[in-house]
Amino acid sequence: MVFAAALLAACAGPLALVPWTPLLSATLASRGDDPQTRKTLNDLQLKNDWPGVTRLARERLAPNPANPDWLLILGYAQLQQGEYGAALDTLDTATRINPEDIDAWNLLAEGQRLLHQNDKAARTLRRAMSVDAASPVSPYLLGEIDREAGRLDRAIAFYRRSVQLESEYTPAWYAMGLCFIRQGRQQELDEVLAALKKLEPRMAVSLEQQAKAPK
């Protein structure tokens, strides 16, 4: 997940004890079956050991291939490793088994977006919003589709919707700031930077560096 990975790099500090999963409604480890499994998942994610997460997920899926939590964990690990096609198959299965899982829909859309299937990703995200209209992730990802297509005003509208749903959802603040940089809207950028300095100062520093970079 290219942009998500950049955000992780900006925010993950050496003292972090719980990995940040900006596209999920809760930590990935919370999907584990028991406390020990959740600890194992947490440790693997802290080490960015996505092959290890994949192996663990496949082990747990072997006796029950229709377990939606482990399918989501596997799909997430596949996305992190750039195995987008495999991730789409996994996450599509997860949404069919549990069509009320907002995280599975959002991750499926992210995989489609990363494979440049933007129309399909947008349809998936609108389906996600019908499942959980309160998720800030779905409008954020719709904004990403528009931002990458150069539709900056539409992207900003989606990012604003995201932070209206969850005022501390920093990926949307950051992406909104990138749009303001491209549009030369310094006042609005300053407002975003002020928000990020309160929520996640390292992201504010990263955005300021983006603003100073040669155009």
Protein backbone atom coordinates (compact mmCIF):
# COMPACT_ATOMS: atom_id res chain seq x y z
CA MET A 1 0.00 0.00 0.00
CA VAL A 2 2.11 2.82 -1.34
CA PHE A 3 0.66 5.91 0.36
CA ALA A 4 -0.21 4.02 3.53
CA ALA A 5 3.36 2.75 3.65
CA ALA A 6 4.67 6.30 3.39
CA LEU A 7 2.46 7.34 6.26
CA LEU A 8 3.66 4.42 8.32
CA ALA A 9 7.25 5.44 7.69
CA ALA A 10 6.45 8.98 8.78
CA CYS A 11 4.75 7.93 12.00
CA ALA A 12 6.14 4.63 13.21
CA GLY A 13 8.66 5.35 15.93
CA PRO A 14 11.08 2.89 17.57
CA LEU A 15 9.05 2.95 20.79
CA ALA A 16 5.76 2.05 19.12
CA LEU A 17 4.17 -0.97 20.81
CA VAL A 18 1.06 -1.25 18.66
CA PRO A 19 1.48 -1.07 14.88
CA TRP A 20 -0.52 1.62 13.13
CA THR A 21 -3.06 0.29 10.64
CA PRO A 22 -4.63 3.38 9.05
CA LEU A 23 -6.96 1.46 6.72
CA LEU A 24 -8.49 -0.68 9.46
CA SER A 25 -11.10 0.19 12.06
CA ALA A 26 -9.06 -1.65 14.72
CA THR A 27 -5.60 -3.18 14.99
CA LEU A 28 -4.86 -6.15 12.76
CA ALA A 29 -3.95 -8.19 15.82
CA SER A 30 -7.44 -7.74 17.23
CA ARG A 31 -8.59 -10.25 14.63
CA GLY A 32 -6.61 -13.01 16.34
CA ASP A 33 -8.38 -15.90 18.04
CA ASP A 34 -6.84 -15.55 21.50
CA PRO A 35 -4.42 -13.37 23.49
CA GLN A 36 -1.33 -15.35 22.46
CA THR A 37 -2.25 -15.23 18.79
CA ARG A 38 -2.93 -11.51 19.03
CA LYS A 39 0.50 -10.98 20.61
CA THR A 40 2.14 -13.02 17.86
CA LEU A 41 0.40 -10.97 15.17
CA ASN A 42 1.37 -7.75 16.90
CA ASP A 43 5.03 -8.80 17.12
CA LEU A 44 5.15 -9.92 13.49
CA GLN A 45 3.63 -6.66 12.33
CA LEU A 46 6.06 -4.59 14.41
CA LYS A 47 8.89 -6.39 12.61
CA ASN A 48 7.20 -5.94 9.21
CA ASP A 49 7.37 -9.71 8.91
CA TRP A 50 4.54 -10.01 6.41
CA PRO A 51 5.70 -13.43 5.15
CA GLY A 52 5.39 -14.56 8.78
CA VAL A 53 1.87 -13.14 8.99
CA THR A 54 1.03 -14.91 5.73
CA ARG A 55 2.29 -18.25 7.03
CA LEU A 56 0.34 -17.89 10.26
CA ALA A 57 -2.84 -16.95 8.39
CA ARG A 58 -2.54 -19.92 6.06
CA GLU A 59 -1.98 -22.24 9.01
CA ARG A 60 -5.14 -20.97 10.69
CA LEU A 61 -7.14 -21.10 7.45
CA ALA A 62 -6.15 -24.70 6.72
CA PRO A 63 -8.83 -26.24 8.99
CA ASN A 64 -11.38 -23.51 8.24
CA PRO A 65 -10.85 -21.78 4.86
CA ALA A 66 -13.97 -19.68 5.35
CA ASN A 67 -12.80 -17.86 8.51
CA PRO A 68 -13.36 -14.19 7.56
CA ASP A 69 -10.96 -12.77 10.15
CA TRP A 70 -8.04 -14.85 8.94
CA LEU A 71 -8.95 -14.14 5.33
CA LEU A 72 -8.73 -10.43 6.11
CA ILE A 73 -5.39 -10.89 7.88
CA LEU A 74 -4.07 -12.84 4.88
CA GLY A 75 -5.37 -10.24 2.43
CA TYR A 76 -3.78 -7.42 4.43
CA ALA A 77 -0.43 -9.22 4.45
CA GLN A 78 -0.66 -9.84 0.71
CA LEU A 79 -1.29 -6.14 0.08
CA GLN A 80 1.73 -5.24 2.21
CA GLN A 81 3.89 -7.55 0.09
CA GLY A 82 2.64 -6.16 -3.21
CA GLU A 83 0.71 -9.33 -4.06
CA TYR A 84 -2.27 -7.34 -5.22
CA GLY A 85 -3.92 -9.93 -7.43
CA ALA A 86 -3.79 -12.57 -4.70
CA ALA A 87 -5.05 -10.02 -2.19
CA LEU A 88 -8.07 -9.22 -4.36
CA ASP A 89 -9.00 -12.90 -4.51
CA THR A 90 -8.61 -13.26 -0.75
CA LEU A 91 -10.51 -10.10 0.16
CA ASP A 92 -13.27 -10.74 -2.35
CA THR A 93 -13.82 -14.08 -0.64
CA ALA A 94 -13.84 -12.34 2.75
CA THR A 95 -16.56 -9.89 1.65
CA ARG A 96 -18.67 -12.71 0.28
CA ILE A 97 -18.44 -14.64 3.55
CA ASN A 98 -19.02 -11.59 5.75
CA PRO A 99 -20.57 -8.77 3.69
CA GLU A 100 -20.87 -6.59 6.80
CA ASP A 101 -17.10 -6.34 7.36
CA ILE A 102 -16.22 -2.74 6.50
CA ASP A 103 -12.49 -3.41 6.72
CA ALA A 104 -12.66 -6.16 4.09
CA TRP A 105 -14.50 -3.84 1.69
CA ASN A 106 -12.04 -0.99 2.21
CA LEU A 107 -9.01 -3.26 1.76
CA LEU A 108 -10.55 -4.80 -1.36
CA ALA A 109 -10.97 -1.30 -2.78
CA GLU A 110 -7.38 -0.41 -1.89
CA GLY A 111 -6.14 -3.47 -3.77
CA GLN A 112 -8.23 -2.52 -6.78
CA ARG A 113 -6.91 1.04 -6.61
CA LEU A 114 -3.32 -0.16 -6.47
CA LEU A 115 -3.99 -2.24 -9.60
CA HIS A 116 -5.37 0.92 -11.26
CA GLN A 117 -8.89 -0.50 -11.34
CA ASN A 118 -10.21 2.86 -10.20
CA ASP A 119 -13.80 2.55 -11.43
CA LYS A 120 -14.12 -0.81 -9.73
CA ALA A 121 -12.49 0.57 -6.57
CA ALA A 122 -14.94 3.48 -6.47
CA ARG A 123 -17.89 1.09 -6.77
CA THR A 124 -16.45 -1.05 -3.98
CA LEU A 125 -16.04 1.99 -1.76
CA ARG A 126 -19.62 3.08 -2.32
CA ARG A 127 -20.65 -0.44 -1.30
CA ALA A 128 -18.46 -0.03 1.77
CA MET A 129 -20.19 3.23 2.66
CA SER A 130 -23.54 1.45 2.51
CA VAL A 131 -22.19 -1.04 5.06
CA ASP A 132 -20.78 1.60 7.42
CA ALA A 133 -21.41 5.23 6.57
CA ALA A 134 -19.37 6.30 9.61
CA SER A 135 -16.05 4.87 8.43
CA PRO A 136 -13.53 7.62 7.60
CA VAL A 137 -11.51 5.18 5.49
CA SER A 138 -13.95 4.88 2.59
CA PRO A 139 -14.16 8.60 1.72
CA TYR A 140 -10.41 8.87 2.27
CA LEU A 141 -9.77 6.19 -0.33
CA LEU A 142 -12.24 7.83 -2.73
CA GLY A 143 -10.18 10.97 -2.26
CA GLU A 144 -7.03 9.06 -3.12
CA ILE A 145 -8.56 7.94 -6.41
CA ASP A 146 -9.45 11.53 -7.30
CA ARG A 147 -6.14 12.99 -6.10
CA GLU A 148 -4.14 10.60 -8.25
CA ALA A 149 -6.35 11.48 -11.23
CA GLY A 150 -5.73 15.18 -10.67
CA ARG A 151 -9.29 15.92 -9.55
CA LEU A 152 -8.07 17.85 -6.55
CA ASP A 153 -11.25 19.69 -5.58
CA ARG A 154 -13.21 16.43 -5.54
CA ALA A 155 -10.43 14.77 -3.57
CA ILE A 156 -10.44 17.57 -1.00
CA ALA A 157 -14.20 17.19 -0.59
CA PHE A 158 -13.77 13.49 0.20
CA TYR A 159 -10.92 14.18 2.63
CA ARG A 160 -13.05 16.79 4.40
CA ARG A 161 -15.82 14.24 4.70
CA SER A 162 -13.35 11.79 6.20
CA VAL A 163 -12.16 14.17 8.91
CA GLN A 164 -15.74 15.23 9.61
CA LEU A 165 -16.45 11.58 10.40
CA GLU A 166 -13.30 11.24 12.50
CA SER A 167 -11.47 14.45 13.28
CA GLU A 168 -8.26 12.61 14.25
CA TYR A 169 -8.00 10.59 11.02
CA THR A 170 -4.55 11.84 10.05
CA PRO A 171 -4.20 10.16 6.61
CA ALA A 172 -7.02 12.36 5.29
CA TRP A 173 -5.49 15.50 6.81
CA TYR A 174 -2.13 14.66 5.24
CA ALA A 175 -3.56 13.92 1.80
CA MET A 176 -5.64 17.10 1.93
CA GLY A 177 -2.44 19.00 2.64
CA LEU A 178 -0.81 17.46 -0.43
CA CYS A 179 -3.70 18.77 -2.53
CA PHE A 180 -3.33 22.27 -1.07
CA ILE A 181 0.39 22.19 -1.86
CA ARG A 182 -0.35 21.36 -5.50
CA GLN A 183 -2.96 24.14 -5.65
CA GLY A 184 -0.76 26.70 -3.92
CA ARG A 185 -3.38 27.29 -1.20
CA GLN A 186 -1.12 28.33 1.66
CA GLN A 187 -3.83 29.41 4.12
CA GLU A 188 -5.63 26.07 3.88
CA LEU A 189 -2.29 24.24 4.09
CA ASP A 190 -1.47 26.13 7.29
CA GLU A 191 -4.77 24.95 8.78
CA VAL A 192 -3.93 21.34 7.91
CA LEU A 193 -0.44 21.70 9.38
CA ALA A 194 -1.90 23.10 12.60
CA ALA A 195 -4.19 20.08 12.87
CA LEU A 196 -1.38 17.62 12.19
CA LYS A 197 0.97 19.27 14.67
CA LYS A 198 -1.58 18.51 17.37
CA LEU A 199 -2.40 14.99 16.17
CA GLU A 200 0.86 13.63 14.77
CA PRO A 201 3.80 16.06 14.61
CA ARG A 202 5.94 13.79 12.44
CA MET A 203 3.32 13.92 9.72
CA ALA A 204 3.32 17.70 9.93
CA VAL A 205 7.09 17.71 9.44
CA SER A 206 6.76 15.41 6.44
CA LEU A 207 4.10 17.64 4.90
CA GLU A 208 6.22 20.75 5.45
CA GLN A 209 9.08 19.00 3.65
CA GLN A 210 6.74 18.22 0.76
CA ALA A 211 5.76 21.89 0.59
CA LYS A 212 9.43 22.97 0.40
CA ALA A 213 10.42 20.37 -2.20
CA PRO A 214 11.19 21.64 -5.72
CA LYS A 215 8.06 21.67 -7.86
